[in-house]
Amino acid sequence: MNSDNELVKRIQNGTIRGIIFDFDGTLLDIRESLRTSIEEVFNEKQINYDIETTCK
Protein backbone atom coordinates (compact mmCIF):
# COMPACT_ATOMS: atom_id res chain seq x y z
CA MET A 1 0.00 0.00 0.00
CA ASN A 2 2.97 2.31 0.56
CA SER A 3 3.79 2.24 -3.16
CA ASP A 4 0.16 3.14 -3.94
CA ASN A 5 0.40 6.17 -1.64
CA GLU A 6 3.72 7.13 -3.21
CA LEU A 7 2.17 6.98 -6.69
CA VAL A 8 -0.69 9.25 -5.65
CA LYS A 9 1.70 11.66 -3.91
CA ARG A 10 3.98 11.88 -6.96
CA ILE A 11 1.06 12.50 -9.31
CA GLN A 12 -0.48 15.16 -7.05
CA ASN A 13 2.75 17.09 -6.44
CA GLY A 14 3.58 17.20 -10.15
CA THR A 15 6.52 14.81 -10.19
CA ILE A 16 4.74 12.87 -12.92
CA ARG A 17 3.78 15.16 -15.79
CA GLY A 18 1.30 14.72 -18.61
CA ILE A 19 3.27 16.38 -21.39
CA ILE A 20 6.58 15.10 -22.74
CA PHE A 21 8.90 15.88 -25.64
CA ASP A 22 9.77 13.26 -28.24
CA PHE A 23 13.37 12.80 -29.41
CA ASP A 24 12.88 15.23 -32.31
CA GLY A 25 11.33 17.90 -30.07
CA THR A 26 7.71 17.09 -30.85
CA LEU A 27 5.39 17.93 -27.98
CA LEU A 28 3.27 14.94 -27.00
CA ASP A 29 0.17 15.28 -24.82
CA ILE A 30 -0.20 12.01 -22.93
CA ARG A 31 -2.64 13.19 -20.27
CA GLU A 32 -5.57 11.08 -21.50
CA SER A 33 -3.44 7.93 -21.76
CA LEU A 34 -1.94 8.66 -18.35
CA ARG A 35 -5.39 9.23 -16.83
CA THR A 36 -6.67 5.93 -18.26
CA SER A 37 -3.65 4.09 -16.89
CA ILE A 38 -4.07 5.71 -13.47
CA GLU A 39 -7.75 4.76 -13.38
CA GLU A 40 -6.90 1.16 -14.25
CA VAL A 41 -4.31 0.97 -11.46
CA PHE A 42 -6.66 2.61 -8.96
CA ASN A 43 -9.38 0.10 -9.83
CA GLU A 44 -7.02 -2.88 -9.75
CA LYS A 45 -5.44 -1.85 -6.42
CA GLN A 46 -8.78 -0.62 -5.02
CA ILE A 47 -7.33 2.82 -4.26
CA ASN A 48 -10.02 5.23 -3.12
CA TYR A 49 -8.65 8.62 -4.17
CA ASP A 50 -10.50 11.23 -6.19
CA ILE A 51 -9.23 10.83 -9.76
CA GLU A 52 -9.93 14.50 -10.62
CA THR A 53 -7.77 15.73 -7.74
CA THR A 54 -5.09 13.19 -8.52
CA CYS A 55 -4.86 14.15 -12.20
CA LYS A 56 -4.54 17.92 -11.54
PDB file of N, CA and C in Angstrom:
ATOM      1  N   MET A   1       0.820  -1.198   0.000  1.00  0.00           N
ATOM      2  CA  MET A   1       0.000   0.000   0.000  1.00  0.00           C
ATOM      3  C   MET A   1       0.865   1.264   0.000  1.00  0.00           C
ATOM      4  N   ASN A   2       2.069   1.168   0.542  1.00  0.00           N
ATOM      5  CA  ASN A   2       2.968   2.308   0.563  1.00  0.00           C
ATOM      6  C   ASN A   2       3.298   2.786  -0.851  1.00  0.00           C
ATOM      7  N   SER A   3       3.497   1.852  -1.772  1.00  0.00           N
ATOM      8  CA  SER A   3       3.790   2.241  -3.157  1.00  0.00           C
ATOM      9  C   SER A   3       2.583   2.914  -3.804  1.00  0.00           C
ATOM     10  N   ASP A   4       1.369   2.496  -3.426  1.00  0.00           N
ATOM     11  CA  ASP A   4       0.155   3.139  -3.937  1.00  0.00           C
ATOM     12  C   ASP A   4       0.092   4.587  -3.457  1.00  0.00           C
ATOM     13  N   ASN A   5       0.397   4.807  -2.183  1.00  0.00           N
ATOM     14  CA  ASN A   5       0.398   6.167  -1.641  1.00  0.00           C
ATOM     15  C   ASN A   5       1.482   7.013  -2.295  1.00  0.00           C
ATOM     16  N   GLU A   6       2.625   6.414  -2.555  1.00  0.00           N
ATOM     17  CA  GLU A   6       3.724   7.127  -3.210  1.00  0.00           C
ATOM     18  C   GLU A   6       3.330   7.541  -4.628  1.00  0.00           C
ATOM     19  N   LEU A   7       2.643   6.654  -5.347  1.00  0.00           N
ATOM     20  CA  LEU A   7       2.172   6.980  -6.695  1.00  0.00           C
ATOM     21  C   LEU A   7       1.237   8.177  -6.657  1.00  0.00           C
ATOM     22  N   VAL A   8       0.268   8.151  -5.762  1.00  0.00           N
ATOM     23  CA  VAL A   8      -0.693   9.247  -5.648  1.00  0.00           C
ATOM     24  C   VAL A   8       0.031  10.540  -5.281  1.00  0.00           C
ATOM     25  N   LYS A   9       0.953  10.473  -4.337  1.00  0.00           N
ATOM     26  CA  LYS A   9       1.702  11.658  -3.908  1.00  0.00           C
ATOM     27  C   LYS A   9       2.505  12.248  -5.062  1.00  0.00           C
ATOM     28  N   ARG A  10       3.165  11.400  -5.838  1.00  0.00           N
ATOM     29  CA  ARG A  10       3.980  11.883  -6.960  1.00  0.00           C
ATOM     30  C   ARG A  10       3.114  12.506  -8.048  1.00  0.00           C
ATOM     31  N   ILE A  11       1.959  11.935  -8.297  1.00  0.00           N
ATOM     32  CA  ILE A  11       1.061  12.499  -9.312  1.00  0.00           C
ATOM     33  C   ILE A  11       0.528  13.846  -8.839  1.00  0.00           C
ATOM     34  N   GLN A  12       0.106  13.929  -7.572  1.00  0.00           N
ATOM     35  CA  GLN A  12      -0.481  15.157  -7.049  1.00  0.00           C
ATOM     36  C   GLN A  12       0.526  16.291  -6.923  1.00  0.00           C
ATOM     37  N   ASN A  13       1.778  16.004  -6.599  1.00  0.00           N
ATOM     38  CA  ASN A  13       2.746  17.089  -6.438  1.00  0.00           C
ATOM     39  C   ASN A  13       3.437  17.466  -7.746  1.00  0.00           C
ATOM     40  N   GLY A  14       3.069  16.812  -8.841  1.00  0.00           N
ATOM     41  CA  GLY A  14       3.583  17.199 -10.152  1.00  0.00           C
ATOM     42  C   GLY A  14       4.859  16.520 -10.570  1.00  0.00           C
ATOM     43  N   THR A  15       5.319  15.537  -9.811  1.00  0.00           N
ATOM     44  CA  THR A  15       6.521  14.809 -10.193  1.00  0.00           C
ATOM     45  C   THR A  15       6.301  14.060 -11.497  1.00  0.00           C
ATOM     46  N   ILE A  16       5.101  13.543 -11.675  1.00  0.00           N
ATOM     47  CA  ILE A  16       4.740  12.867 -12.923  1.00  0.00           C
ATOM     48  C   ILE A  16       3.941  13.859 -13.755  1.00  0.00           C
ATOM     49  N   ARG A  17       4.410  14.169 -14.918  1.00  0.00           N
ATOM     50  CA  ARG A  17       3.783  15.160 -15.794  1.00  0.00           C
ATOM     51  C   ARG A  17       2.965  14.474 -16.886  1.00  0.00           C
ATOM     52  N   GLY A  18       2.118  15.249 -17.549  1.00  0.00           N
ATOM     53  CA  GLY A  18       1.296  14.717 -18.611  1.00  0.00           C
ATOM     54  C   GLY A  18       1.729  15.135 -19.997  1.00  0.00           C
ATOM     55  N   ILE A  19       2.786  15.929 -20.089  1.00  0.00           N
ATOM     56  CA  ILE A  19       3.273  16.378 -21.389  1.00  0.00           C
ATOM     57  C   ILE A  19       4.763  16.064 -21.466  1.00  0.00           C
ATOM     58  N   ILE A  20       5.165  15.447 -22.560  1.00  0.00           N
ATOM     59  CA  ILE A  20       6.576  15.096 -22.743  1.00  0.00           C
ATOM     60  C   ILE A  20       7.030  15.545 -24.130  1.00  0.00           C
ATOM     61  N   PHE A  21       8.324  15.584 -24.327  1.00  0.00           N
ATOM     62  CA  PHE A  21       8.901  15.883 -25.636  1.00  0.00           C
ATOM     63  C   PHE A  21       9.480  14.610 -26.227  1.00  0.00           C
ATOM     64  N   ASP A  22       9.205  14.390 -27.506  1.00  0.00           N
ATOM     65  CA  ASP A  22       9.765  13.262 -28.237  1.00  0.00           C
ATOM     66  C   ASP A  22      11.223  13.589 -28.573  1.00  0.00           C
ATOM     67  N   PHE A  23      11.950  12.619 -29.093  1.00  0.00           N
ATOM     68  CA  PHE A  23      13.365  12.804 -29.415  1.00  0.00           C
ATOM     69  C   PHE A  23      13.608  13.941 -30.397  1.00  0.00           C
ATOM     70  N   ASP A  24      12.680  14.159 -31.323  1.00  0.00           N
ATOM     71  CA  ASP A  24      12.877  15.228 -32.311  1.00  0.00           C
ATOM     72  C   ASP A  24      12.284  16.563 -31.863  1.00  0.00           C
ATOM     73  N   GLY A  25      11.856  16.653 -30.608  1.00  0.00           N
ATOM     74  CA  GLY A  25      11.326  17.902 -30.072  1.00  0.00           C
ATOM     75  C   GLY A  25       9.829  18.049 -30.201  1.00  0.00           C
ATOM     76  N   THR A  26       9.154  17.040 -30.720  1.00  0.00           N
ATOM     77  CA  THR A  26       7.706  17.085 -30.854  1.00  0.00           C
ATOM     78  C   THR A  26       7.058  17.020 -29.475  1.00  0.00           C
ATOM     79  N   LEU A  27       6.114  17.909 -29.235  1.00  0.00           N
ATOM     80  CA  LEU A  27       5.389  17.935 -27.976  1.00  0.00           C
ATOM     81  C   LEU A  27       4.276  16.894 -28.021  1.00  0.00           C
ATOM     82  N   LEU A  28       4.279  15.986 -27.062  1.00  0.00           N
ATOM     83  CA  LEU A  28       3.268  14.938 -27.001  1.00  0.00           C
ATOM     84  C   LEU A  28       2.402  15.133 -25.765  1.00  0.00           C
ATOM     85  N   ASP A  29       1.090  15.160 -25.947  1.00  0.00           N
ATOM     86  CA  ASP A  29       0.166  15.276 -24.820  1.00  0.00           C
ATOM     87  C   ASP A  29      -0.301  13.871 -24.463  1.00  0.00           C
ATOM     88  N   ILE A  30       0.140  13.378 -23.336  1.00  0.00           N
ATOM     89  CA  ILE A  30      -0.196  12.008 -22.934  1.00  0.00           C
ATOM     90  C   ILE A  30      -1.147  11.986 -21.737  1.00  0.00           C
ATOM     91  N   ARG A  31      -1.788  13.115 -21.462  1.00  0.00           N
ATOM     92  CA  ARG A  31      -2.642  13.188 -20.271  1.00  0.00           C
ATOM     93  C   ARG A  31      -3.776  12.177 -20.298  1.00  0.00           C
ATOM     94  N   GLU A  32      -4.441  12.015 -21.437  1.00  0.00           N
ATOM     95  CA  GLU A  32      -5.569  11.075 -21.504  1.00  0.00           C
ATOM     96  C   GLU A  32      -5.092   9.642 -21.306  1.00  0.00           C
ATOM     97  N   SER A  33      -4.000   9.278 -21.946  1.00  0.00           N
ATOM     98  CA  SER A  33      -3.444   7.931 -21.762  1.00  0.00           C
ATOM     99  C   SER A  33      -3.005   7.721 -20.325  1.00  0.00           C
ATOM    100  N   LEU A  34      -2.388   8.741 -19.741  1.00  0.00           N
ATOM    101  CA  LEU A  34      -1.942   8.658 -18.354  1.00  0.00           C
ATOM    102  C   LEU A  34      -3.135   8.524 -17.416  1.00  0.00           C
ATOM    103  N   ARG A  35      -4.183   9.292 -17.670  1.00  0.00           N
ATOM    104  CA  ARG A  35      -5.391   9.229 -16.834  1.00  0.00           C
ATOM    105  C   ARG A  35      -6.009   7.834 -16.898  1.00  0.00           C
ATOM    106  N   THR A  36      -6.111   7.267 -18.101  1.00  0.00           N
ATOM    107  CA  THR A  36      -6.671   5.925 -18.261  1.00  0.00           C
ATOM    108  C   THR A  36      -5.839   4.901 -17.502  1.00  0.00           C
ATOM    109  N   SER A  37      -4.541   5.012 -17.601  1.00  0.00           N
ATOM    110  CA  SER A  37      -3.653   4.090 -16.888  1.00  0.00           C
ATOM    111  C   SER A  37      -3.802   4.232 -15.378  1.00  0.00           C
ATOM    112  N   ILE A  38      -3.893   5.471 -14.905  1.00  0.00           N
ATOM    113  CA  ILE A  38      -4.069   5.710 -13.470  1.00  0.00           C
ATOM    114  C   ILE A  38      -5.385   5.110 -12.994  1.00  0.00           C
ATOM    115  N   GLU A  39      -6.456   5.322 -13.754  1.00  0.00           N
ATOM    116  CA  GLU A  39      -7.753   4.763 -13.377  1.00  0.00           C
ATOM    117  C   GLU A  39      -7.699   3.244 -13.308  1.00  0.00           C
ATOM    118  N   GLU A  40      -7.019   2.617 -14.258  1.00  0.00           N
ATOM    119  CA  GLU A  40      -6.896   1.158 -14.251  1.00  0.00           C
ATOM    120  C   GLU A  40      -6.157   0.671 -13.013  1.00  0.00           C
ATOM    121  N   VAL A  41      -5.075   1.351 -12.660  1.00  0.00           N
ATOM    122  CA  VAL A  41      -4.309   0.966 -11.464  1.00  0.00           C
ATOM    123  C   VAL A  41      -5.140   1.194 -10.206  1.00  0.00           C
ATOM    124  N   PHE A  42      -5.826   2.333 -10.130  1.00  0.00           N
ATOM    125  CA  PHE A  42      -6.663   2.614  -8.960  1.00  0.00           C
ATOM    126  C   PHE A  42      -7.723   1.530  -8.798  1.00  0.00           C
ATOM    127  N   ASN A  43      -8.356   1.137  -9.895  1.00  0.00           N
ATOM    128  CA  ASN A  43      -9.382   0.097  -9.826  1.00  0.00           C
ATOM    129  C   ASN A  43      -8.790  -1.248  -9.430  1.00  0.00           C
ATOM    130  N   GLU A  44      -7.663  -1.592 -10.030  1.00  0.00           N
ATOM    131  CA  GLU A  44      -7.019  -2.876  -9.750  1.00  0.00           C
ATOM    132  C   GLU A  44      -6.551  -2.967  -8.298  1.00  0.00           C
ATOM    133  N   LYS A  45      -5.981  -1.874  -7.790  1.00  0.00           N
ATOM    134  CA  LYS A  45      -5.438  -1.853  -6.423  1.00  0.00           C
ATOM    135  C   LYS A  45      -6.474  -1.406  -5.394  1.00  0.00           C
ATOM    136  N   GLN A  46      -7.687  -1.086  -5.871  1.00  0.00           N
ATOM    137  CA  GLN A  46      -8.780  -0.615  -5.017  1.00  0.00           C
ATOM    138  C   GLN A  46      -8.368   0.609  -4.200  1.00  0.00           C
ATOM    139  N   ILE A  47      -7.752   1.564  -4.881  1.00  0.00           N
ATOM    140  CA  ILE A  47      -7.334   2.817  -4.256  1.00  0.00           C
ATOM    141  C   ILE A  47      -8.512   3.781  -4.320  1.00  0.00           C
ATOM    142  N   ASN A  48      -8.852   4.361  -3.196  1.00  0.00           N
ATOM    143  CA  ASN A  48     -10.020   5.233  -3.116  1.00  0.00           C
ATOM    144  C   ASN A  48      -9.624   6.705  -3.033  1.00  0.00           C
ATOM    145  N   TYR A  49      -8.993   7.209  -4.074  1.00  0.00           N
ATOM    146  CA  TYR A  49      -8.654   8.624  -4.168  1.00  0.00           C
ATOM    147  C   TYR A  49      -9.475   9.232  -5.289  1.00  0.00           C
ATOM    148  N   ASP A  50      -9.758  10.514  -5.157  1.00  0.00           N
ATOM    149  CA  ASP A  50     -10.499  11.234  -6.189  1.00  0.00           C
ATOM    150  C   ASP A  50      -9.615  11.384  -7.426  1.00  0.00           C
ATOM    151  N   ILE A  51     -10.031  10.823  -8.538  1.00  0.00           N
ATOM    152  CA  ILE A  51      -9.229  10.832  -9.760  1.00  0.00           C
ATOM    153  C   ILE A  51      -9.045  12.253 -10.294  1.00  0.00           C
ATOM    154  N   GLU A  52     -10.044  13.119 -10.138  1.00  0.00           N
ATOM    155  CA  GLU A  52      -9.926  14.502 -10.618  1.00  0.00           C
ATOM    156  C   GLU A  52      -8.831  15.243  -9.862  1.00  0.00           C
ATOM    157  N   THR A  53      -8.803  15.095  -8.553  1.00  0.00           N
ATOM    158  CA  THR A  53      -7.773  15.734  -7.735  1.00  0.00           C
ATOM    159  C   THR A  53      -6.411  15.160  -8.061  1.00  0.00           C
ATOM    160  N   THR A  54      -6.352  13.864  -8.243  1.00  0.00           N
ATOM    161  CA  THR A  54      -5.093  13.186  -8.524  1.00  0.00           C
ATOM    162  C   THR A  54      -4.513  13.634  -9.859  1.00  0.00           C
ATOM    163  N   CYS A  55      -5.342  13.811 -10.865  1.00  0.00           N
ATOM    164  CA  CYS A  55      -4.858  14.153 -12.204  1.00  0.00           C
ATOM    165  C   CYS A  55      -4.489  15.625 -12.357  1.00  0.00           C
ATOM    166  N   LYS A  56      -4.856  16.487 -11.425  1.00  0.00           N
ATOM    167  CA  LYS A  56      -4.538  17.923 -11.535  1.00  0.00           C
ATOM    168  C   LYS A  56      -3.103  18.170 -11.411  1.00  0.00           C
TER     169      LYS A  56
END
